[in-house]
Amino acid sequence: MAKSTRSRVGEFEKSLKELETIVEKMEAGDQPLETSLKDFERGMELARQCRDSLQKAELRVQELLEKADDAHDKSSEDEGS
């Protein structure tokens, strides 16, 4: 795995962990309203970051699958000649 890919995965996991922590704190209901609002705002930002990371990962998987299909098709054509 390339260094930048590992970095993105690490960032995704870090963001997801922070988001889970925020959700747990908010579900407990022990914090003041202002703190909950700040946590909610941060949670929305983290959710957006995670969604963007997942979309990029999905596109990358699609690209890899297309390359694999192209290589397979080319190899099949070569064998058929």
C-alpha atoms as a PDB file:
ATOM      1  CA  MET A   1       0.000   0.000   0.000  1.00  0.00           C
ATOM      2  CA  ALA A   2       1.375   3.419  -0.927  1.00  0.00           C
ATOM      3  CA  LYS A   3       2.332   5.790   1.853  1.00  0.00           C
ATOM      4  CA  SER A   4      -0.350   8.347   0.912  1.00  0.00           C
ATOM      5  CA  THR A   5      -2.996   5.612   0.862  1.00  0.00           C
ATOM      6  CA  ARG A   6      -1.940   4.429   4.318  1.00  0.00           C
ATOM      7  CA  SER A   7      -2.028   8.024   5.505  1.00  0.00           C
ATOM      8  CA  ARG A   8      -5.583   8.463   4.204  1.00  0.00           C
ATOM      9  CA  VAL A   9      -6.662   5.205   5.820  1.00  0.00           C
ATOM     10  CA  GLY A  10      -5.084   6.306   9.088  1.00  0.00           C
ATOM     11  CA  GLU A  11      -6.846   9.664   8.896  1.00  0.00           C
ATOM     12  CA  PHE A  12     -10.162   7.951   8.150  1.00  0.00           C
ATOM     13  CA  GLU A  13      -9.771   5.633  11.123  1.00  0.00           C
ATOM     14  CA  LYS A  14      -8.753   8.528  13.376  1.00  0.00           C
ATOM     15  CA  SER A  15     -11.769  10.589  12.260  1.00  0.00           C
ATOM     16  CA  LEU A  16     -14.123   7.650  12.701  1.00  0.00           C
ATOM     17  CA  LYS A  17     -12.796   6.970  16.211  1.00  0.00           C
ATOM     18  CA  GLU A  18     -13.249  10.625  17.176  1.00  0.00           C
ATOM     19  CA  LEU A  19     -16.766  10.580  15.731  1.00  0.00           C
ATOM     20  CA  GLU A  20     -17.628   7.465  17.747  1.00  0.00           C
ATOM     21  CA  THR A  21     -16.346   9.161  20.911  1.00  0.00           C
ATOM     22  CA  ILE A  22     -18.481  12.234  20.234  1.00  0.00           C
ATOM     23  CA  VAL A  23     -21.568  10.087  19.648  1.00  0.00           C
ATOM     24  CA  GLU A  24     -20.993   8.227  22.927  1.00  0.00           C
ATOM     25  CA  LYS A  25     -20.621  11.509  24.857  1.00  0.00           C
ATOM     26  CA  MET A  26     -23.755  12.953  23.297  1.00  0.00           C
ATOM     27  CA  GLU A  27     -25.780   9.794  23.876  1.00  0.00           C
ATOM     28  CA  ALA A  28     -24.815   9.891  27.562  1.00  0.00           C
ATOM     29  CA  GLY A  29     -26.564  13.271  27.785  1.00  0.00           C
ATOM     30  CA  ASP A  30     -24.366  14.552  30.642  1.00  0.00           C
ATOM     31  CA  GLN A  31     -22.905  17.608  28.960  1.00  0.00           C
ATOM     32  CA  PRO A  32     -24.167  21.178  28.751  1.00  0.00           C
ATOM     33  CA  LEU A  33     -26.094  22.280  25.678  1.00  0.00           C
ATOM     34  CA  GLU A  34     -23.274  24.485  24.363  1.00  0.00           C
ATOM     35  CA  THR A  35     -20.809  21.598  24.568  1.00  0.00           C
ATOM     36  CA  SER A  36     -23.293  19.326  22.804  1.00  0.00           C
ATOM     37  CA  LEU A  37     -23.701  21.879  20.016  1.00  0.00           C
ATOM     38  CA  LYS A  38     -19.935  22.142  19.560  1.00  0.00           C
ATOM     39  CA  ASP A  39     -19.632  18.360  19.565  1.00  0.00           C
ATOM     40  CA  PHE A  40     -22.482  18.086  17.062  1.00  0.00           C
ATOM     41  CA  GLU A  41     -20.761  20.577  14.768  1.00  0.00           C
ATOM     42  CA  ARG A  42     -17.477  18.673  15.025  1.00  0.00           C
ATOM     43  CA  GLY A  43     -19.310  15.393  14.457  1.00  0.00           C
ATOM     44  CA  MET A  44     -20.888  16.716  11.270  1.00  0.00           C
ATOM     45  CA  GLU A  45     -17.458  17.783   9.982  1.00  0.00           C
ATOM     46  CA  LEU A  46     -15.982  14.377  10.822  1.00  0.00           C
ATOM     47  CA  ALA A  47     -18.910  12.597   9.153  1.00  0.00           C
ATOM     48  CA  ARG A  48     -18.319  14.650   5.995  1.00  0.00           C
ATOM     49  CA  GLN A  49     -14.605  13.826   6.038  1.00  0.00           C
ATOM     50  CA  CYS A  50     -15.348  10.122   6.475  1.00  0.00           C
ATOM     51  CA  ARG A  51     -17.930  10.167   3.677  1.00  0.00           C
ATOM     52  CA  ASP A  52     -15.470  11.907   1.349  1.00  0.00           C
ATOM     53  CA  SER A  53     -12.758   9.368   2.210  1.00  0.00           C
ATOM     54  CA  LEU A  54     -15.123   6.475   1.527  1.00  0.00           C
ATOM     55  CA  GLN A  55     -16.161   7.968  -1.809  1.00  0.00           C
ATOM     56  CA  LYS A  56     -12.515   8.333  -2.834  1.00  0.00           C
ATOM     57  CA  ALA A  57     -11.827   4.756  -1.770  1.00  0.00           C
ATOM     58  CA  GLU A  58     -14.823   3.521  -3.760  1.00  0.00           C
ATOM     59  CA  LEU A  59     -13.591   5.333  -6.875  1.00  0.00           C
ATOM     60  CA  ARG A  60     -10.130   3.839  -6.412  1.00  0.00           C
ATOM     61  CA  VAL A  61     -11.586   0.334  -6.105  1.00  0.00           C
ATOM     62  CA  GLN A  62     -13.612   0.892  -9.285  1.00  0.00           C
ATOM     63  CA  GLU A  63     -10.480   2.062 -11.118  1.00  0.00           C
ATOM     64  CA  LEU A  64      -8.551  -1.005  -9.979  1.00  0.00           C
ATOM     65  CA  LEU A  65     -11.368  -3.331 -11.030  1.00  0.00           C
ATOM     66  CA  GLU A  66     -11.559  -1.679 -14.447  1.00  0.00           C
ATOM     67  CA  LYS A  67      -7.795  -2.071 -14.896  1.00  0.00           C
ATOM     68  CA  ALA A  68      -8.043  -5.728 -13.912  1.00  0.00           C
ATOM     69  CA  ASP A  69     -10.901  -6.259 -16.383  1.00  0.00           C
ATOM     70  CA  ASP A  70      -8.948  -4.502 -19.140  1.00  0.00           C
ATOM     71  CA  ALA A  71      -5.875  -6.637 -18.456  1.00  0.00           C
ATOM     72  CA  HIS A  72      -8.015  -9.786 -18.461  1.00  0.00           C
ATOM     73  CA  ASP A  73      -9.712  -8.789 -21.732  1.00  0.00           C
ATOM     74  CA  LYS A  74      -6.354  -8.050 -23.370  1.00  0.00           C
ATOM     75  CA  SER A  75      -4.938 -11.366 -22.181  1.00  0.00           C
ATOM     76  CA  SER A  76      -8.017 -13.193 -23.530  1.00  0.00           C
ATOM     77  CA  GLU A  77      -7.618 -11.457 -26.899  1.00  0.00           C
ATOM     78  CA  ASP A  78      -3.936 -12.407 -27.038  1.00  0.00           C
ATOM     79  CA  GLU A  79      -4.750 -16.050 -26.307  1.00  0.00           C
ATOM     80  CA  GLY A  80      -7.443 -16.065 -28.985  1.00  0.00           C
ATOM     81  CA  SER A  81      -5.078 -14.864 -31.717  1.00  0.00           C
END
